[in-house]
């Protein structure tokens, strides 16, 4: 037989339809409007946040989004306790009454060791999307807490530590993260490479300058990321090198230092400066927006669909 029609989904909202009439093919793009609904989830942590998220019905994407939102305030390897809890409201996308995707977390609350942190998603006038506390402070910090995604602290900040190689008291002005050779190392904040090269006992080292006030040091690398050089701008979360054991090191690890006005500070406990908060010009709009989303967060799940207005929350 002859091909009479062909239908192909281009994306979630567009379908290409090709038809044949009297030996002539014509095509058109059919646009289908998606429906956005809101859903609530909550969980209690027994083993890990990831498992608690799965038990609450969250997709891997939403779990990672929740982790990212609170990653500047909570160290998931050190701070999480059994009994910590969370709740979120998030988008579900429907096409022809069938769920086809999950959208974004709109608002969340995380209870960690008795401390409750609420956050809401907000798009600024310049198009920048961030999560903010209910009083307008940016959840995102100028620095992330950890330069490694995977690793454990093998040596803490200690000004009276006995050096494992030199066998004498020598201040340990940073934190050591034990990790496998080749583990990616991330810049913890935006800045410029101030130093790159071999630095005595530090081995292969990068120092990043973050404005006038802050600098960070990453030592004992196995190698630098290709293309890294002095003066190069780096972004928060960008891979700059890889874990190794160059210099005075007994095994593969990252030695990480955080300096403020030239003074060494404990990277695990130092208060991190925040990214830009809500501007004065957008304060009223944000207040209305956040009040609306937090009201949804506090609303029983069955009532959410009737209240939700995507024109307000997106």
Protein backbone atom coordinates (compact mmCIF):
# COMPACT_ATOMS: atom_id res chain seq x y z
CA UNK A 1 0.00 0.00 0.00
CA UNK A 2 0.86 3.68 -0.17
CA UNK A 3 1.95 5.84 2.75
CA UNK A 4 -1.03 8.01 3.62
CA UNK A 5 0.11 9.78 6.78
CA UNK A 6 3.09 10.06 9.11
CA UNK A 7 3.09 11.48 12.63
CA UNK A 8 6.28 12.29 14.57
CA UNK A 9 6.62 13.90 18.00
CA UNK A 10 9.25 16.67 17.78
CA UNK A 11 9.13 17.40 21.51
CA UNK A 12 6.58 17.43 24.32
CA UNK A 13 4.50 20.21 22.78
CA UNK A 14 4.96 19.81 18.99
CA UNK A 15 3.98 16.98 16.63
CA UNK A 16 4.84 16.88 12.92
CA UNK A 17 1.98 15.52 10.80
CA UNK A 18 2.63 14.61 7.14
CA UNK A 19 -0.37 13.61 5.01
CA UNK A 20 -0.77 12.49 1.38
CA UNK A 21 -3.73 13.60 -0.71
CA UNK A 22 -4.04 13.07 -4.47
CA UNK A 23 -0.39 12.07 -4.62
CA UNK A 24 0.78 15.28 -2.92
CA UNK A 25 2.37 15.34 0.55
CA UNK A 26 1.61 18.23 2.90
CA UNK A 27 2.96 18.83 6.39
CA UNK A 28 1.91 20.77 9.44
CA UNK A 29 3.08 21.13 13.01
CA UNK A 30 0.42 20.53 15.64
CA UNK A 31 0.96 22.26 18.97
CA UNK A 32 -0.41 20.60 22.08
CA UNK A 33 -0.79 22.62 25.26
CA UNK A 34 0.68 21.01 28.36
CA UNK A 35 -1.01 21.06 31.74
CA UNK A 36 1.06 21.79 34.83
CA UNK A 37 -0.10 20.39 38.15
CA UNK A 38 1.50 20.65 41.56
CA UNK A 39 2.22 17.77 43.91
CA UNK A 40 3.46 17.57 47.46
CA UNK A 41 5.97 15.08 48.88
CA UNK A 42 7.48 14.65 52.31
CA UNK A 43 9.98 12.28 53.83
CA UNK A 44 11.93 11.34 56.95
CA UNK A 45 15.59 10.36 56.69
CA UNK A 46 16.57 6.99 58.15
CA UNK A 47 19.58 6.04 56.02
CA UNK A 48 20.21 8.76 53.43
CA UNK A 49 18.48 11.70 51.81
CA UNK A 50 18.52 9.89 48.48
CA UNK A 51 16.68 6.84 49.85
CA UNK A 52 14.23 9.05 51.74
CA UNK A 53 13.55 10.94 48.51
CA UNK A 54 12.88 7.70 46.65
CA UNK A 55 10.52 6.55 49.41
CA UNK A 56 8.67 9.88 49.11
CA UNK A 57 8.12 9.26 45.40
CA UNK A 58 10.60 11.83 44.08
CA UNK A 59 12.42 11.22 40.81
CA UNK A 60 16.23 11.20 40.76
CA UNK A 61 16.10 14.61 39.09
CA UNK A 62 14.00 16.10 41.89
CA UNK A 63 16.19 14.52 44.58
CA UNK A 64 19.27 16.10 43.00
CA UNK A 65 17.44 19.42 42.78
CA UNK A 66 16.63 19.23 46.50
CA UNK A 67 20.25 18.37 47.26
CA UNK A 68 21.44 21.34 45.19
CA UNK A 69 19.02 23.79 46.87
CA UNK A 70 20.32 23.03 50.37
CA UNK A 71 23.87 22.07 49.46
CA UNK A 72 25.31 25.39 50.60
CA UNK A 73 23.80 25.11 54.10
CA UNK A 74 23.96 21.37 54.75
CA UNK A 75 26.96 19.07 54.41
CA UNK A 76 25.20 15.83 53.52
CA UNK A 77 28.13 13.71 54.69
CA UNK A 78 28.53 15.36 58.10
CA UNK A 79 25.30 17.14 59.06
CA UNK A 80 22.52 14.67 58.25
CA UNK A 81 20.96 12.87 61.22
CA UNK A 82 18.39 10.10 61.45
CA UNK A 83 15.00 11.74 61.87
CA UNK A 84 15.79 14.80 59.75
CA UNK A 85 12.88 15.52 57.42
CA UNK A 86 11.85 17.44 54.32
CA UNK A 87 8.78 18.39 52.35
CA UNK A 88 8.50 19.86 48.88
CA UNK A 89 5.95 21.00 46.34
CA UNK A 90 6.90 20.41 42.73
CA UNK A 91 5.49 20.48 39.21
CA UNK A 92 4.17 17.53 37.24
CA UNK A 93 3.66 18.00 33.49
CA UNK A 94 0.69 16.36 31.76
CA UNK A 95 -0.07 15.89 28.07
CA UNK A 96 -3.54 14.68 27.10
CA UNK A 97 -4.12 13.86 30.78
CA UNK A 98 -1.04 11.63 30.89
CA UNK A 99 1.97 12.53 33.03
CA UNK A 100 4.97 13.04 30.75
CA UNK A 101 7.54 14.81 32.95
CA UNK A 102 8.34 16.37 36.29
CA UNK A 103 9.10 20.07 36.43
CA UNK A 104 10.84 22.04 39.17
CA UNK A 105 10.66 22.18 42.92
CA UNK A 106 8.63 25.32 43.69
CA UNK A 107 9.09 25.44 47.46
CA UNK A 108 10.72 23.26 50.09
CA UNK A 109 11.38 22.91 53.79
CA UNK A 110 14.30 20.96 55.27
CA UNK A 111 14.51 20.14 58.97
CA UNK A 112 18.10 19.35 59.96
CA UNK A 113 19.09 18.77 63.59
CA UNK A 114 16.15 20.86 64.78
CA UNK A 115 16.84 23.70 62.35
CA UNK A 116 14.15 24.45 59.76
CA UNK A 117 15.14 26.05 56.44
CA UNK A 118 12.44 27.09 53.96
CA UNK A 119 13.09 28.01 50.34
CA UNK A 120 11.10 29.22 47.34
CA UNK A 121 11.88 29.36 43.62
CA UNK A 122 11.87 32.85 42.10
CA UNK A 123 12.74 34.27 38.69
CA UNK A 124 14.24 37.76 38.83
CA UNK A 125 13.49 40.46 36.27
CA UNK A 126 16.78 39.67 34.50
CA UNK A 127 15.73 36.03 34.04
CA UNK A 128 18.01 34.63 36.77
CA UNK A 129 16.36 31.71 38.59
CA UNK A 130 17.37 31.02 42.18
CA UNK A 131 15.98 29.70 45.43
CA UNK A 132 15.56 32.12 48.32
CA UNK A 133 14.64 31.92 51.99
CA UNK A 134 11.26 33.36 52.94
CA UNK A 135 12.93 36.66 53.89
CA UNK A 136 14.65 37.01 50.49
CA UNK A 137 18.16 35.73 51.23
CA UNK A 138 19.70 33.68 48.42
CA UNK A 139 20.03 29.98 49.21
CA UNK A 140 23.03 29.94 46.89
CA UNK A 141 26.26 31.03 48.54
CA UNK A 142 29.29 32.65 46.99
CA UNK A 143 31.10 29.38 47.84
CA UNK A 144 30.13 25.72 47.96
CA UNK A 145 31.25 23.95 51.12
CA UNK A 146 33.08 20.99 49.57
CA UNK A 147 35.43 20.87 46.56
CA UNK A 148 34.76 17.13 46.04
CA UNK A 149 31.55 15.30 45.23
CA UNK A 150 32.95 12.10 46.72
CA UNK A 151 35.42 11.82 49.58
CA UNK A 152 35.67 11.80 53.35
CA UNK A 153 37.49 14.12 55.73
CA UNK A 154 40.67 12.33 56.78
CA UNK A 155 42.24 15.25 58.65
CA UNK A 156 40.48 18.27 60.12
CA UNK A 157 41.58 21.89 60.52
CA UNK A 158 43.95 21.76 63.53
CA UNK A 159 46.59 24.31 64.43
CA UNK A 160 48.39 21.78 66.71
CA UNK A 161 48.39 18.69 64.51
CA UNK A 162 51.38 16.33 64.35
CA UNK A 163 52.42 16.08 60.70
CA UNK A 164 52.23 12.43 59.46
CA UNK A 165 55.37 12.74 57.30
CA UNK A 166 57.54 15.23 59.19
CA UNK A 167 56.58 13.67 62.58
CA UNK A 168 56.47 17.02 64.38
CA UNK A 169 53.85 19.55 65.42
CA UNK A 170 52.84 21.58 62.39
CA UNK A 171 49.64 23.59 62.06
CA UNK A 172 47.16 22.00 59.67
CA UNK A 173 45.52 25.08 58.19
CA UNK A 174 43.03 23.29 56.01
CA UNK A 175 41.00 20.12 55.59
CA UNK A 176 42.12 16.87 53.95
CA UNK A 177 39.62 14.89 51.87
CA UNK A 178 40.62 11.28 51.23
CA UNK A 179 39.54 10.21 47.75
CA UNK A 180 40.68 8.02 44.90
CA UNK A 181 43.39 9.28 42.57
CA UNK A 182 41.76 11.10 39.67
CA UNK A 183 38.66 12.26 41.57
CA UNK A 184 37.62 15.65 40.08
CA UNK A 185 38.31 18.74 42.21
CA UNK A 186 35.91 21.69 41.87
CA UNK A 187 36.53 25.39 42.44
CA UNK A 188 34.36 26.33 45.42
CA UNK A 189 33.65 29.84 44.16
CA UNK A 190 33.96 32.18 41.18
CA UNK A 191 37.40 33.71 40.84
CA UNK A 192 40.72 33.75 38.97
CA UNK A 193 43.68 31.38 39.15
CA UNK A 194 46.31 33.21 41.21
CA UNK A 195 48.83 30.35 41.27
CA UNK A 196 49.21 27.06 39.41
CA UNK A 197 52.24 24.79 39.66
CA UNK A 198 54.39 22.89 42.15
CA UNK A 199 54.48 24.43 45.62
CA UNK A 200 56.91 22.60 47.90
CA UNK A 201 55.22 20.12 50.23
CA UNK A 202 51.85 21.00 48.73
CA UNK A 203 52.86 19.37 45.45
CA UNK A 204 50.76 20.27 42.42
CA UNK A 205 48.69 23.21 43.67
CA UNK A 206 46.14 25.75 42.47
CA UNK A 207 45.26 28.92 44.38
CA UNK A 208 42.11 30.76 43.33
CA UNK A 209 41.55 34.41 44.24
CA UNK A 210 37.91 35.35 44.85
CA UNK A 211 37.78 39.14 44.76
CA UNK A 212 39.79 41.11 47.30
CA UNK A 213 38.74 39.25 50.44
CA UNK A 214 38.86 35.50 49.80
CA UNK A 215 41.18 32.87 48.36
CA UNK A 216 41.15 29.07 48.28
CA UNK A 217 43.98 26.55 47.87
CA UNK A 218 43.83 23.03 46.39
CA UNK A 219 46.92 20.85 46.91
CA UNK A 220 48.48 17.40 46.27
CA UNK A 221 46.82 17.10 42.85
CA UNK A 222 47.76 14.34 40.44
CA UNK A 223 47.26 16.72 37.52
CA UNK A 224 45.60 19.98 36.55
CA UNK A 225 42.64 20.16 34.24
CA UNK A 226 43.80 20.67 30.65
CA UNK A 227 43.98 24.35 29.75
CA UNK A 228 44.23 25.69 33.31
CA UNK A 229 46.65 28.62 33.56
CA UNK A 230 47.54 31.64 35.68
CA UNK A 231 44.95 34.41 35.50
CA UNK A 232 42.23 32.18 34.06
CA UNK A 233 38.69 32.88 35.32
CA UNK A 234 36.96 29.91 36.98
CA UNK A 235 33.33 29.39 37.91
CA UNK A 236 31.91 27.86 41.05
CA UNK A 237 31.70 24.09 40.58
CA UNK A 238 34.12 24.03 37.62
CA UNK A 239 36.61 21.14 37.64
CA UNK A 240 40.13 22.54 38.00
CA UNK A 241 42.18 19.42 38.71
CA UNK A 242 42.24 15.88 40.03
CA UNK A 243 43.07 14.24 43.37
CA UNK A 244 46.56 12.81 43.78
CA UNK A 245 49.41 12.52 46.28
CA UNK A 246 52.05 14.93 44.95
CA UNK A 247 54.28 16.70 47.48
CA UNK A 248 54.37 15.57 51.12
CA UNK A 249 51.44 13.16 51.12
CA UNK A 250 51.08 9.63 52.50
CA UNK A 251 48.20 8.75 50.18
CA UNK A 252 45.83 10.25 47.61
CA UNK A 253 43.82 13.13 49.04
CA UNK A 254 42.96 16.78 48.52
CA UNK A 255 44.28 19.39 50.94
CA UNK A 256 41.88 22.35 50.85
CA UNK A 257 42.39 25.76 52.46
CA UNK A 258 40.05 28.73 52.82
CA UNK A 259 41.51 32.17 53.54
CA UNK A 260 39.68 35.36 54.44
CA UNK A 261 41.73 38.58 54.38
CA UNK A 262 44.82 36.36 54.29
CA UNK A 263 43.88 34.48 57.47
CA UNK A 264 43.26 30.73 57.37
CA UNK A 265 39.72 29.75 58.39
CA UNK A 266 38.25 26.32 58.98
CA UNK A 267 36.63 25.40 55.62
CA UNK A 268 34.04 23.20 57.34
CA UNK A 269 32.71 25.83 59.77
CA UNK A 270 33.51 29.26 58.30
CA UNK A 271 30.32 31.25 57.56
CA UNK A 272 30.02 31.46 53.78
CA UNK A 273 29.04 34.76 52.15
CA UNK A 274 25.75 34.70 50.26
CA UNK A 275 25.09 35.39 46.61
CA UNK A 276 22.85 38.37 45.77
CA UNK A 277 19.62 38.55 47.73
CA UNK A 278 16.27 39.87 46.45
CA UNK A 279 16.67 43.46 45.26
CA UNK A 280 14.70 46.29 46.83
CA UNK A 281 12.92 46.81 43.50
CA UNK A 282 11.60 43.23 43.52
CA UNK A 283 10.93 42.92 47.25
CA UNK A 284 7.15 43.41 47.06
CA UNK A 285 6.75 40.99 44.15
CA UNK A 286 8.84 38.39 45.95
CA UNK A 287 6.87 38.80 49.17
CA UNK A 288 3.60 38.03 47.35
CA UNK A 289 5.20 35.18 45.40
CA UNK A 290 6.84 33.51 48.41
CA UNK A 291 3.73 33.84 50.58
CA UNK A 292 1.72 32.09 47.87
CA UNK A 293 4.17 29.20 47.45
CA UNK A 294 4.69 28.69 51.18
CA UNK A 295 0.92 28.61 51.66
CA UNK A 296 0.81 25.81 49.08
CA UNK A 297 3.61 24.02 50.96
CA UNK A 298 1.45 24.11 54.11
CA UNK A 299 -1.71 22.98 52.30
CA UNK A 300 -2.88 19.34 52.37
CA UNK A 301 -2.11 17.60 49.08
CA UNK A 302 -5.73 17.07 48.06
CA UNK A 303 -6.41 20.81 48.03
CA UNK A 304 -3.33 21.81 46.02
CA UNK A 305 -4.68 21.34 42.50
CA UNK A 306 -7.61 23.72 43.08
CA UNK A 307 -5.32 26.42 44.48
CA UNK A 308 -2.42 26.19 42.06
CA UNK A 309 -2.00 28.92 39.47
CA UNK A 310 1.12 28.36 37.30
CA UNK A 311 1.04 32.01 36.15
CA UNK A 312 1.94 33.01 39.71
CA UNK A 313 4.49 30.37 40.59
CA UNK A 314 6.54 30.08 37.41
